[in-house]
């Protein structure tokens, strides 16, 4: 469209240069049509975008060298024997709801829940202070905070699965709930424990008296 506008503009400039003021426009009709045909037949009036796309399609694409090989070198994944998630909250209803959410998330990921237990009694912390700053000591008031605990254990999972599970439940951690995570990682036995210790045969034959 931009190329067509340029062509029409060039035609208008040529016609304005040939027409004199006060002349009859009917005598310029054949030359107008001839000039329009000549201008539209020039390669400048063609769409540049279509020609560029056609040229780009004809160009051969570069192929990667045949000796190029992609190698992915990674470390072995970590294995966890168990992950213990301890949640604490002062509202038992919120803690029960969040515990159900963690259980459903573990079941959705296909994890094995080893334990799901809560403490019988909450942890109670009390403060005894004055009712006001400027009162006698006999006017006291007592405040207490009750903290409920819920422990959920998940066993036998890989490091990537553990990271996904923990990130998901921590992103949806409600307000007023704290979390503590304990991981039990599986490690390979060292070499000095795999091979039995060498015994001194001479010491066995001649025991010390």
N, C-alpha and C. Protein backbone atom coordinates (compact mmCIF):
# COMPACT_ATOMS: atom_id res chain seq x y z
N UNK A 1 0.83 -1.20 0.00
CA UNK A 1 0.00 0.00 0.00
C UNK A 1 0.87 1.25 0.00
N UNK A 2 1.97 1.21 0.71
CA UNK A 2 2.87 2.37 0.74
C UNK A 2 3.50 2.61 -0.62
N UNK A 3 3.84 1.50 -1.35
CA UNK A 3 4.43 1.65 -2.68
C UNK A 3 3.43 2.24 -3.66
N UNK A 4 2.14 1.86 -3.55
CA UNK A 4 1.11 2.41 -4.44
C UNK A 4 0.93 3.89 -4.19
N UNK A 5 0.95 4.30 -2.91
CA UNK A 5 0.83 5.72 -2.59
C UNK A 5 1.98 6.53 -3.17
N UNK A 6 3.19 5.97 -3.14
CA UNK A 6 4.33 6.66 -3.73
C UNK A 6 4.18 6.81 -5.24
N UNK A 7 3.65 5.75 -5.89
CA UNK A 7 3.46 5.81 -7.34
C UNK A 7 2.44 6.87 -7.73
N UNK A 8 1.32 6.91 -7.02
CA UNK A 8 0.28 7.90 -7.31
C UNK A 8 0.79 9.31 -7.05
N UNK A 9 1.60 9.48 -6.00
CA UNK A 9 2.16 10.80 -5.71
C UNK A 9 3.10 11.28 -6.79
N UNK A 10 3.92 10.36 -7.34
CA UNK A 10 4.82 10.74 -8.43
C UNK A 10 4.05 11.11 -9.69
N UNK A 11 2.92 10.42 -9.95
CA UNK A 11 2.08 10.76 -11.11
C UNK A 11 1.50 12.15 -10.95
N UNK A 12 1.03 12.46 -9.74
CA UNK A 12 0.44 13.78 -9.52
C UNK A 12 1.46 14.89 -9.70
N UNK A 13 2.70 14.65 -9.27
CA UNK A 13 3.73 15.68 -9.44
C UNK A 13 4.07 15.89 -10.90
N UNK A 14 4.09 14.79 -11.68
CA UNK A 14 4.38 14.94 -13.12
C UNK A 14 3.27 15.69 -13.85
N UNK A 15 2.02 15.39 -13.47
CA UNK A 15 0.90 16.04 -14.14
C UNK A 15 0.87 17.52 -13.80
N UNK A 16 1.15 17.86 -12.54
CA UNK A 16 1.16 19.28 -12.15
C UNK A 16 2.24 20.06 -12.88
N UNK A 17 3.38 19.40 -13.19
CA UNK A 17 4.45 20.11 -13.91
C UNK A 17 4.11 20.34 -15.37
N UNK A 18 3.23 19.48 -15.96
CA UNK A 18 2.88 19.62 -17.38
C UNK A 18 1.67 20.50 -17.61
N UNK A 19 0.77 20.64 -16.63
CA UNK A 19 -0.44 21.44 -16.80
C UNK A 19 -0.14 22.89 -16.45
N UNK A 20 -0.57 23.78 -17.30
CA UNK A 20 -0.39 25.22 -17.07
C UNK A 20 -1.69 25.80 -16.54
N UNK A 21 -1.62 26.91 -15.84
CA UNK A 21 -2.85 27.53 -15.32
C UNK A 21 -3.75 28.01 -16.45
N UNK A 22 -5.07 27.73 -16.35
CA UNK A 22 -6.04 28.17 -17.34
C UNK A 22 -6.16 27.28 -18.55
N UNK A 23 -5.50 26.13 -18.59
CA UNK A 23 -5.57 25.22 -19.74
C UNK A 23 -6.73 24.26 -19.57
N UNK A 24 -7.14 23.61 -20.71
CA UNK A 24 -8.25 22.66 -20.73
C UNK A 24 -7.74 21.29 -20.30
N UNK A 25 -8.45 20.65 -19.32
CA UNK A 25 -8.00 19.35 -18.80
C UNK A 25 -8.33 18.20 -19.73
N UNK A 26 -9.23 18.37 -20.68
CA UNK A 26 -9.62 17.26 -21.56
C UNK A 26 -8.50 16.84 -22.48
N UNK A 27 -7.61 17.77 -22.82
CA UNK A 27 -6.53 17.41 -23.74
C UNK A 27 -5.44 16.59 -23.06
N UNK A 28 -5.44 16.53 -21.74
CA UNK A 28 -4.41 15.77 -21.02
C UNK A 28 -4.88 14.38 -20.60
N UNK A 29 -6.10 13.99 -21.00
CA UNK A 29 -6.62 12.69 -20.58
C UNK A 29 -5.82 11.52 -21.13
N UNK A 30 -5.48 11.46 -22.44
CA UNK A 30 -4.68 10.33 -22.94
C UNK A 30 -3.31 10.26 -22.27
N UNK A 31 -2.66 11.41 -22.11
CA UNK A 31 -1.33 11.37 -21.49
C UNK A 31 -1.40 10.93 -20.03
N UNK A 32 -2.50 11.26 -19.33
CA UNK A 32 -2.69 10.83 -17.94
C UNK A 32 -2.74 9.31 -17.82
N UNK A 33 -3.56 8.70 -18.70
CA UNK A 33 -3.68 7.24 -18.65
C UNK A 33 -2.39 6.56 -19.06
N UNK A 34 -1.68 7.12 -20.06
CA UNK A 34 -0.42 6.52 -20.48
C UNK A 34 0.63 6.62 -19.38
N UNK A 35 0.66 7.76 -18.69
CA UNK A 35 1.61 7.93 -17.60
C UNK A 35 1.31 7.01 -16.43
N UNK A 36 0.02 6.79 -16.16
CA UNK A 36 -0.37 5.88 -15.08
C UNK A 36 0.04 4.45 -15.38
N UNK A 37 -0.16 4.02 -16.65
CA UNK A 37 0.21 2.66 -17.03
C UNK A 37 1.72 2.46 -16.95
N UNK A 38 2.48 3.45 -17.41
CA UNK A 38 3.94 3.33 -17.37
C UNK A 38 4.47 3.28 -15.93
N UNK A 39 3.85 4.08 -15.06
CA UNK A 39 4.33 4.12 -13.68
C UNK A 39 4.02 2.83 -12.93
N UNK A 40 2.79 2.29 -13.14
CA UNK A 40 2.42 1.06 -12.45
C UNK A 40 3.16 -0.15 -12.99
N UNK A 41 3.66 -0.05 -14.24
CA UNK A 41 4.40 -1.17 -14.81
C UNK A 41 5.85 -1.21 -14.36
N UNK A 42 6.34 -0.16 -13.69
CA UNK A 42 7.72 -0.12 -13.21
C UNK A 42 7.88 -1.03 -11.99
N UNK A 43 9.07 -1.58 -11.76
CA UNK A 43 9.26 -2.47 -10.60
C UNK A 43 9.17 -1.76 -9.27
N UNK A 44 9.31 -0.38 -9.23
CA UNK A 44 9.22 0.31 -7.96
C UNK A 44 7.82 0.27 -7.38
N UNK A 45 6.79 0.10 -8.24
CA UNK A 45 5.41 0.08 -7.76
C UNK A 45 5.00 -1.24 -7.16
N UNK A 46 5.83 -2.26 -7.25
CA UNK A 46 5.49 -3.57 -6.69
C UNK A 46 5.64 -3.52 -5.17
N UNK A 47 4.97 -4.46 -4.54
CA UNK A 47 5.06 -4.53 -3.09
C UNK A 47 6.42 -5.09 -2.71
N UNK A 48 7.12 -4.31 -1.91
CA UNK A 48 8.45 -4.74 -1.50
C UNK A 48 8.40 -5.89 -0.50
N UNK A 49 7.32 -5.93 0.32
CA UNK A 49 7.23 -6.98 1.33
C UNK A 49 7.06 -8.35 0.70
N UNK A 50 6.24 -8.44 -0.36
CA UNK A 50 6.02 -9.73 -1.01
C UNK A 50 7.28 -10.22 -1.70
N UNK A 51 8.04 -9.29 -2.31
CA UNK A 51 9.28 -9.70 -2.97
C UNK A 51 10.32 -10.16 -1.96
N UNK A 52 10.36 -9.48 -0.80
CA UNK A 52 11.32 -9.89 0.23
C UNK A 52 10.98 -11.26 0.79
N UNK A 53 9.67 -11.53 0.99
CA UNK A 53 9.27 -12.84 1.50
C UNK A 53 9.59 -13.95 0.50
N UNK A 54 9.37 -13.66 -0.80
CA UNK A 54 9.66 -14.67 -1.81
C UNK A 54 11.15 -14.94 -1.89
N UNK A 55 11.96 -13.88 -1.79
CA UNK A 55 13.41 -14.07 -1.83
C UNK A 55 13.91 -14.83 -0.61
N UNK A 56 13.31 -14.54 0.54
CA UNK A 56 13.72 -15.25 1.75
C UNK A 56 13.34 -16.72 1.71
N UNK A 57 12.21 -17.03 1.06
CA UNK A 57 11.80 -18.43 0.96
C UNK A 57 12.70 -19.22 0.04
N UNK A 58 13.26 -18.54 -1.01
CA UNK A 58 14.11 -19.25 -1.96
C UNK A 58 15.51 -19.48 -1.42
N UNK A 59 15.94 -18.66 -0.45
CA UNK A 59 17.29 -18.82 0.08
C UNK A 59 17.42 -20.13 0.85
N UNK A 60 18.47 -20.87 0.63
CA UNK A 60 18.65 -22.14 1.38
C UNK A 60 18.98 -21.87 2.84
N UNK A 61 18.39 -22.64 3.70
CA UNK A 61 18.63 -22.50 5.13
C UNK A 61 19.89 -23.24 5.53
N UNK A 62 20.62 -22.62 6.46
CA UNK A 62 21.86 -23.23 6.92
C UNK A 62 21.57 -24.41 7.83
N UNK A 63 22.22 -25.51 7.58
CA UNK A 63 22.05 -26.71 8.39
C UNK A 63 23.20 -26.83 9.38
N UNK A 64 22.92 -27.32 10.56
CA UNK A 64 24.01 -27.49 11.54
C UNK A 64 25.00 -28.53 11.06
N UNK A 65 26.24 -28.42 11.46
CA UNK A 65 27.23 -29.42 11.04
C UNK A 65 26.87 -30.81 11.52
N UNK A 66 27.28 -31.80 10.71
CA UNK A 66 26.91 -33.19 11.00
C UNK A 66 27.61 -33.72 12.24
N UNK A 67 28.78 -33.16 12.56
CA UNK A 67 29.53 -33.66 13.71
C UNK A 67 29.09 -33.02 15.02
N UNK A 68 28.05 -32.18 14.98
CA UNK A 68 27.57 -31.51 16.19
C UNK A 68 26.65 -32.45 16.95
N UNK A 69 26.94 -32.67 18.20
CA UNK A 69 26.12 -33.54 19.06
C UNK A 69 25.82 -32.79 20.34
N UNK A 70 24.57 -32.83 20.75
CA UNK A 70 24.15 -32.17 21.99
C UNK A 70 24.21 -33.18 23.13
N UNK A 71 24.93 -32.82 24.15
CA UNK A 71 25.07 -33.68 25.31
C UNK A 71 24.57 -32.94 26.54
N UNK A 72 23.78 -33.61 27.34
CA UNK A 72 23.26 -33.05 28.58
C UNK A 72 23.95 -33.76 29.74
N UNK A 73 24.75 -33.00 30.43
CA UNK A 73 25.51 -33.55 31.55
C UNK A 73 24.89 -33.03 32.83
N UNK A 74 24.38 -33.90 33.65
CA UNK A 74 23.74 -33.48 34.89
C UNK A 74 24.15 -34.38 36.05
N UNK A 75 23.94 -33.87 37.22
CA UNK A 75 24.26 -34.62 38.42
C UNK A 75 23.11 -35.55 38.78
N UNK A 76 23.39 -36.67 39.43
CA UNK A 76 22.30 -37.57 39.85
C UNK A 76 21.40 -36.90 40.87
N UNK A 77 20.13 -37.23 40.81
CA UNK A 77 19.15 -36.60 41.69
C UNK A 77 19.34 -37.07 43.13
N UNK A 78 18.99 -36.18 44.05
CA UNK A 78 19.11 -36.50 45.47
C UNK A 78 17.94 -37.38 45.89
N UNK A 79 18.19 -38.32 46.79
CA UNK A 79 17.16 -39.21 47.31
C UNK A 79 16.96 -38.91 48.80
N UNK A 80 15.69 -38.81 49.17
CA UNK A 80 15.33 -38.55 50.57
C UNK A 80 14.58 -39.75 51.12
N UNK A 81 15.02 -40.17 52.28
CA UNK A 81 14.31 -41.26 52.96
C UNK A 81 12.98 -40.77 53.54
N UNK A 82 12.97 -39.56 54.07
CA UNK A 82 11.75 -39.00 54.66
C UNK A 82 11.89 -37.49 54.76
N UNK A 83 10.76 -36.82 54.61
CA UNK A 83 10.66 -35.38 54.82
C UNK A 83 9.53 -35.14 55.82
N UNK A 84 9.84 -34.48 56.90
CA UNK A 84 8.87 -34.21 57.97
C UNK A 84 8.51 -32.73 57.93
N UNK A 85 7.21 -32.45 57.76
CA UNK A 85 6.69 -31.08 57.72
C UNK A 85 5.92 -30.83 59.00
N UNK A 86 6.39 -29.90 59.80
CA UNK A 86 5.72 -29.54 61.05
C UNK A 86 5.08 -28.16 60.90
N UNK A 87 3.77 -28.09 61.11
CA UNK A 87 3.02 -26.84 61.00
C UNK A 87 2.56 -26.41 62.39
N UNK A 88 2.63 -25.10 62.62
CA UNK A 88 2.22 -24.53 63.91
C UNK A 88 1.26 -23.38 63.66
N UNK A 89 0.21 -23.33 64.49
CA UNK A 89 -0.78 -22.27 64.34
C UNK A 89 -1.53 -22.12 65.66
N UNK A 90 -2.02 -20.92 65.90
CA UNK A 90 -2.81 -20.66 67.11
C UNK A 90 -4.29 -20.92 66.92
N UNK A 91 -4.71 -21.14 65.67
CA UNK A 91 -6.12 -21.43 65.37
C UNK A 91 -6.23 -22.88 64.92
N UNK A 92 -6.87 -23.76 65.67
CA UNK A 92 -6.93 -25.18 65.27
C UNK A 92 -7.71 -25.41 63.98
N UNK A 93 -8.72 -24.58 63.69
CA UNK A 93 -9.50 -24.76 62.47
C UNK A 93 -8.65 -24.49 61.22
N UNK A 94 -7.84 -23.44 61.27
CA UNK A 94 -6.95 -23.12 60.15
C UNK A 94 -5.92 -24.23 59.97
N UNK A 95 -5.41 -24.75 61.07
CA UNK A 95 -4.41 -25.81 60.99
C UNK A 95 -5.00 -27.09 60.40
N UNK A 96 -6.22 -27.43 60.76
CA UNK A 96 -6.87 -28.62 60.18
C UNK A 96 -7.09 -28.45 58.68
N UNK A 97 -7.51 -27.26 58.26
CA UNK A 97 -7.73 -27.01 56.84
C UNK A 97 -6.42 -27.10 56.05
N UNK A 98 -5.36 -26.53 56.60
CA UNK A 98 -4.07 -26.58 55.90
C UNK A 98 -3.49 -28.00 55.90
N UNK A 99 -3.74 -28.76 56.94
CA UNK A 99 -3.29 -30.16 56.96
C UNK A 99 -3.99 -30.97 55.88
N UNK A 100 -5.26 -30.74 55.69
CA UNK A 100 -5.99 -31.42 54.61
C UNK A 100 -5.45 -31.02 53.25
N UNK A 101 -5.08 -29.76 53.10
CA UNK A 101 -4.50 -29.30 51.83
C UNK A 101 -3.17 -29.99 51.55
N UNK A 102 -2.32 -30.13 52.56
CA UNK A 102 -1.03 -30.81 52.37
C UNK A 102 -1.25 -32.28 52.02
N UNK A 103 -2.21 -32.92 52.65
CA UNK A 103 -2.49 -34.33 52.37
C UNK A 103 -2.98 -34.52 50.94
N UNK A 104 -3.86 -33.66 50.47
CA UNK A 104 -4.35 -33.77 49.10
C UNK A 104 -3.24 -33.49 48.09
N UNK A 105 -2.36 -32.54 48.38
CA UNK A 105 -1.25 -32.25 47.48
C UNK A 105 -0.29 -33.44 47.39
N UNK A 106 -0.03 -34.10 48.51
CA UNK A 106 0.83 -35.28 48.50
C UNK A 106 0.20 -36.44 47.72
N UNK A 107 -1.10 -36.63 47.89
CA UNK A 107 -1.78 -37.69 47.14
C UNK A 107 -1.81 -37.39 45.65
N UNK A 108 -1.95 -36.12 45.28
CA UNK A 108 -1.97 -35.75 43.86
C UNK A 108 -0.62 -36.02 43.20
N UNK A 109 0.48 -35.83 43.94
CA UNK A 109 1.82 -36.09 43.41
C UNK A 109 2.22 -37.56 43.53
N UNK A 110 1.36 -38.38 44.12
CA UNK A 110 1.66 -39.80 44.27
C UNK A 110 2.68 -40.10 45.35
N UNK A 111 2.70 -39.30 46.41
CA UNK A 111 3.66 -39.51 47.49
C UNK A 111 3.06 -40.38 48.58
N UNK A 112 3.93 -41.02 49.33
CA UNK A 112 3.52 -41.90 50.42
C UNK A 112 3.63 -41.14 51.75
N UNK A 113 2.51 -41.02 52.45
CA UNK A 113 2.48 -40.33 53.73
C UNK A 113 2.75 -41.35 54.83
N UNK A 114 3.87 -41.17 55.52
CA UNK A 114 4.25 -42.12 56.57
C UNK A 114 3.56 -41.84 57.90
N UNK A 115 3.33 -40.57 58.21
CA UNK A 115 2.66 -40.23 59.47
C UNK A 115 1.92 -38.90 59.32
N UNK A 116 0.83 -38.81 60.05
CA UNK A 116 0.02 -37.60 60.10
C UNK A 116 -0.58 -37.52 61.50
N UNK A 117 0.09 -36.82 62.37
CA UNK A 117 -0.32 -36.80 63.77
C UNK A 117 -0.23 -35.38 64.33
N UNK A 118 -0.98 -35.18 65.38
CA UNK A 118 -1.00 -33.88 66.06
C UNK A 118 -0.79 -34.10 67.56
N UNK A 119 -0.30 -33.08 68.22
CA UNK A 119 -0.10 -33.17 69.66
C UNK A 119 -1.44 -33.13 70.39
N UNK A 120 -1.48 -33.86 71.49
CA UNK A 120 -2.74 -33.90 72.26
C UNK A 120 -3.06 -32.56 72.88
N UNK A 121 -2.07 -31.93 73.45
CA UNK A 121 -2.28 -30.66 74.12
C UNK A 121 -1.48 -29.57 73.42
N UNK A 122 -2.02 -28.40 73.30
CA UNK A 122 -1.26 -27.30 72.68
C UNK A 122 -0.19 -26.77 73.62
N UNK A 123 0.76 -26.11 73.03
CA UNK A 123 1.80 -25.47 73.83
C UNK A 123 1.29 -24.11 74.29
N UNK A 124 1.22 -23.92 75.61
CA UNK A 124 0.62 -22.72 76.20
C UNK A 124 1.73 -21.85 76.79
N UNK A 125 1.70 -20.60 76.43
CA UNK A 125 2.64 -19.62 76.98
C UNK A 125 1.84 -18.47 77.60
N UNK A 126 2.13 -18.17 78.86
CA UNK A 126 1.35 -17.16 79.60
C UNK A 126 2.25 -15.99 80.02
N UNK A 127 1.62 -14.81 80.05
CA UNK A 127 2.26 -13.59 80.54
C UNK A 127 1.35 -12.97 81.59
N UNK A 128 1.90 -12.63 82.72
CA UNK A 128 1.16 -11.95 83.79
C UNK A 128 1.75 -10.54 83.94
N UNK A 129 0.95 -9.55 83.62
CA UNK A 129 1.41 -8.16 83.62
C UNK A 129 0.39 -7.29 84.35
N UNK A 130 0.74 -6.04 84.56
CA UNK A 130 -0.17 -5.08 85.17
C UNK A 130 -1.27 -4.70 84.20
N UNK A 131 -2.43 -4.36 84.75
CA UNK A 131 -3.53 -3.91 83.90
C UNK A 131 -3.19 -2.58 83.21
N UNK A 132 -2.48 -1.74 83.91
CA UNK A 132 -2.09 -0.45 83.37
C UNK A 132 -0.71 -0.10 83.90
N UNK A 133 -0.10 0.89 83.35
CA UNK A 133 1.24 1.26 83.77
C UNK A 133 1.23 1.89 85.17
N UNK A 134 0.20 2.64 85.49
CA UNK A 134 0.17 3.39 86.75
C UNK A 134 -0.93 2.83 87.66
N UNK A 135 -0.77 1.57 88.07
CA UNK A 135 -1.71 0.95 89.01
C UNK A 135 -0.91 0.17 90.04
N UNK A 136 -1.61 -0.27 91.09
CA UNK A 136 -0.95 -1.07 92.12
C UNK A 136 -0.70 -2.50 91.60
N UNK A 137 0.17 -3.20 92.31
CA UNK A 137 0.57 -4.53 91.87
C UNK A 137 -0.55 -5.55 91.99
N UNK A 138 -1.53 -5.28 92.84
CA UNK A 138 -2.62 -6.25 93.00
C UNK A 138 -3.55 -6.27 91.79
N UNK A 139 -3.51 -5.26 90.93
CA UNK A 139 -4.35 -5.24 89.73
C UNK A 139 -3.54 -5.82 88.56
N UNK A 140 -3.63 -7.11 88.40
CA UNK A 140 -2.86 -7.82 87.37
C UNK A 140 -3.81 -8.46 86.36
N UNK A 141 -3.27 -8.75 85.19
CA UNK A 141 -4.02 -9.45 84.15
C UNK A 141 -3.08 -10.46 83.50
N UNK A 142 -3.66 -11.57 83.04
CA UNK A 142 -2.87 -12.65 82.47
C UNK A 142 -3.27 -12.91 81.02
N UNK A 143 -2.26 -12.99 80.15
CA UNK A 143 -2.47 -13.31 78.74
C UNK A 143 -1.83 -14.66 78.44
N UNK A 144 -2.42 -15.38 77.52
CA UNK A 144 -1.87 -16.67 77.12
C UNK A 144 -2.03 -16.87 75.62
N UNK A 145 -1.09 -17.59 75.05
CA UNK A 145 -1.09 -17.93 73.62
C UNK A 145 -0.98 -19.44 73.51
N UNK A 146 -1.91 -20.05 72.79
CA UNK A 146 -1.92 -21.50 72.59
C UNK A 146 -1.47 -21.80 71.15
N UNK A 147 -0.47 -22.64 71.04
CA UNK A 147 0.07 -23.01 69.74
C UNK A 147 -0.17 -24.50 69.50
N UNK A 148 -0.84 -24.81 68.39
CA UNK A 148 -1.16 -26.20 68.02
C UNK A 148 -0.15 -26.68 66.98
N UNK A 149 0.22 -27.95 67.09
CA UNK A 149 1.25 -28.54 66.22
C UNK A 149 0.63 -29.68 65.40
N UNK A 150 1.06 -29.78 64.16
CA UNK A 150 0.66 -30.87 63.27
C UNK A 150 1.89 -31.35 62.52
N UNK A 151 2.14 -32.66 62.56
CA UNK A 151 3.33 -33.24 61.95
C UNK A 151 2.89 -34.19 60.84
N UNK A 152 3.44 -33.98 59.63
CA UNK A 152 3.15 -34.82 58.46
C UNK A 152 4.48 -35.31 57.90
N UNK A 153 4.60 -36.62 57.72
CA UNK A 153 5.81 -37.21 57.18
C UNK A 153 5.57 -37.82 55.82
N UNK A 154 6.47 -37.54 54.87
CA UNK A 154 6.41 -38.11 53.51
C UNK A 154 7.72 -38.85 53.28
N UNK A 155 7.64 -40.09 52.81
CA UNK A 155 8.83 -40.91 52.69
C UNK A 155 9.08 -41.33 51.25
N UNK A 156 10.38 -41.60 50.98
CA UNK A 156 10.85 -42.16 49.71
C UNK A 156 10.45 -41.27 48.52
N UNK A 157 11.17 -40.18 48.36
CA UNK A 157 10.94 -39.28 47.23
C UNK A 157 12.26 -38.69 46.79
N UNK A 158 12.29 -38.23 45.54
CA UNK A 158 13.49 -37.66 44.95
C UNK A 158 13.61 -36.18 45.30
N UNK A 159 14.77 -35.62 44.98
CA UNK A 159 15.00 -34.22 45.29
C UNK A 159 14.12 -33.28 44.49
N UNK A 160 13.93 -33.56 43.19
CA UNK A 160 13.08 -32.69 42.37
C UNK A 160 11.62 -32.74 42.82
N UNK A 161 11.15 -33.93 43.17
CA UNK A 161 9.77 -34.05 43.67
C UNK A 161 9.61 -33.35 45.01
N UNK A 162 10.61 -33.46 45.86
CA UNK A 162 10.55 -32.79 47.16
C UNK A 162 10.54 -31.28 47.01
N UNK A 163 11.36 -30.75 46.10
CA UNK A 163 11.37 -29.30 45.88
C UNK A 163 10.03 -28.80 45.35
N UNK A 164 9.44 -29.57 44.42
CA UNK A 164 8.13 -29.17 43.88
C UNK A 164 7.05 -29.21 44.94
N UNK A 165 7.05 -30.26 45.74
CA UNK A 165 6.04 -30.40 46.79
C UNK A 165 6.16 -29.30 47.85
N UNK A 166 7.38 -29.04 48.31
CA UNK A 166 7.59 -28.03 49.34
C UNK A 166 7.29 -26.62 48.82
N UNK A 167 7.68 -26.34 47.58
CA UNK A 167 7.39 -25.02 47.03
C UNK A 167 5.89 -24.79 46.89
N UNK A 168 5.16 -25.84 46.51
CA UNK A 168 3.71 -25.70 46.33
C UNK A 168 3.00 -25.44 47.66
N UNK A 169 3.36 -26.19 48.69
CA UNK A 169 2.66 -26.01 49.97
C UNK A 169 3.12 -24.74 50.68
N UNK A 170 4.35 -24.30 50.43
CA UNK A 170 4.81 -23.06 51.07
C UNK A 170 4.23 -21.82 50.39
N UNK A 171 3.96 -21.90 49.10
CA UNK A 171 3.33 -20.77 48.41
C UNK A 171 1.89 -20.56 48.88
N UNK A 172 1.24 -21.62 49.31
CA UNK A 172 -0.14 -21.54 49.78
C UNK A 172 -0.23 -21.56 51.30
N UNK A 173 0.84 -21.17 51.96
CA UNK A 173 0.84 -21.14 53.42
C UNK A 173 -0.06 -20.00 53.91
N UNK A 174 -1.10 -20.30 54.70
CA UNK A 174 -2.00 -19.22 55.16
C UNK A 174 -1.33 -18.35 56.22
N UNK A 175 -1.97 -17.22 56.48
CA UNK A 175 -1.44 -16.30 57.48
C UNK A 175 -1.60 -16.89 58.88
N UNK A 176 -0.61 -16.66 59.70
CA UNK A 176 -0.65 -17.17 61.07
C UNK A 176 -0.16 -18.58 61.23
N UNK A 177 0.35 -19.19 60.15
CA UNK A 177 0.85 -20.57 60.20
C UNK A 177 2.34 -20.55 59.91
N UNK A 178 3.11 -21.18 60.77
CA UNK A 178 4.55 -21.32 60.56
C UNK A 178 4.87 -22.77 60.21
N UNK A 179 5.99 -22.96 59.51
CA UNK A 179 6.35 -24.29 59.03
C UNK A 179 7.81 -24.57 59.33
N UNK A 180 8.05 -25.82 59.65
CA UNK A 180 9.41 -26.30 59.87
C UNK A 180 9.58 -27.61 59.11
N UNK A 181 10.64 -27.70 58.29
CA UNK A 181 10.87 -28.86 57.43
C UNK A 181 12.15 -29.55 57.86
N UNK A 182 12.07 -30.86 58.01
CA UNK A 182 13.23 -31.68 58.36
C UNK A 182 13.40 -32.75 57.28
N UNK A 183 14.60 -32.82 56.70
CA UNK A 183 14.88 -33.75 55.61
C UNK A 183 15.87 -34.82 56.07
N UNK A 184 15.56 -36.06 55.72
CA UNK A 184 16.46 -37.18 56.00
C UNK A 184 16.98 -37.68 54.66
N UNK A 185 18.22 -37.38 54.37
CA UNK A 185 18.81 -37.67 53.05
C UNK A 185 19.53 -39.01 53.06
N UNK A 186 19.40 -39.71 51.93
CA UNK A 186 20.07 -41.00 51.78
C UNK A 186 21.45 -40.78 51.16
N UNK A 187 22.47 -41.31 51.80
CA UNK A 187 23.84 -41.15 51.34
C UNK A 187 24.47 -42.52 51.10
N UNK A 188 25.46 -42.52 50.24
CA UNK A 188 26.19 -43.75 49.95
C UNK A 188 27.21 -44.01 51.05
N UNK A 189 27.36 -45.29 51.38
CA UNK A 189 28.33 -45.64 52.41
C UNK A 189 29.75 -45.33 51.94
N UNK A 190 30.58 -44.84 52.80
CA UNK A 190 31.98 -44.59 52.40
C UNK A 190 32.72 -45.89 52.13
N UNK A 191 33.84 -45.75 51.44
CA UNK A 191 34.58 -46.93 51.01
C UNK A 191 35.15 -47.71 52.18
N UNK A 192 35.55 -47.03 53.23
CA UNK A 192 36.17 -47.75 54.35
C UNK A 192 35.14 -48.57 55.14
N UNK A 193 33.84 -48.34 54.91
CA UNK A 193 32.83 -49.17 55.54
C UNK A 193 32.34 -50.30 54.63
N UNK A 194 32.56 -50.15 53.32
CA UNK A 194 32.14 -51.21 52.40
C UNK A 194 33.07 -52.41 52.47
N UNK A 195 34.36 -52.18 52.61
CA UNK A 195 35.32 -53.29 52.68
C UNK A 195 35.56 -53.67 54.14
N UNK A 196 35.61 -54.96 54.45
CA UNK A 196 35.86 -55.37 55.84
C UNK A 196 37.28 -55.03 56.26
N UNK A 197 37.49 -54.77 57.51
CA UNK A 197 38.85 -54.44 57.98
C UNK A 197 39.77 -55.65 57.88
N UNK A 198 41.03 -55.38 57.56
CA UNK A 198 42.02 -56.46 57.44
C UNK A 198 42.53 -56.84 58.83
N UNK A 199 42.51 -58.14 59.12
CA UNK A 199 42.95 -58.63 60.43
C UNK A 199 44.41 -59.10 60.34
N UNK A 200 45.12 -58.87 61.37
CA UNK A 200 46.51 -59.31 61.45
C UNK A 200 46.54 -60.79 61.84
N UNK A 201 46.98 -61.63 60.91
CA UNK A 201 46.97 -63.09 61.16
C UNK A 201 47.94 -63.48 62.27
N UNK A 202 49.07 -62.78 62.31
CA UNK A 202 50.04 -63.12 63.35
C UNK A 202 49.51 -62.81 64.74
N UNK A 203 48.78 -61.74 64.85
CA UNK A 203 48.22 -61.40 66.16
C UNK A 203 47.17 -62.40 66.58
N UNK A 204 46.45 -62.97 65.59
CA UNK A 204 45.46 -63.98 65.93
C UNK A 204 46.11 -65.29 66.36
N UNK A 205 47.22 -65.63 65.70
CA UNK A 205 47.88 -66.88 66.05
C UNK A 205 48.56 -66.81 67.41
N UNK A 206 49.16 -65.68 67.72
CA UNK A 206 49.86 -65.51 68.99
C UNK A 206 49.14 -64.47 69.83
N UNK A 207 48.09 -64.88 70.52
CA UNK A 207 47.39 -63.90 71.36
C UNK A 207 48.24 -63.51 72.55
N UNK A 208 48.11 -62.31 72.95
CA UNK A 208 48.89 -61.82 74.10
C UNK A 208 48.35 -62.43 75.37
N UNK A 209 49.27 -62.86 76.23
CA UNK A 209 48.87 -63.49 77.49
C UNK A 209 48.55 -62.45 78.53
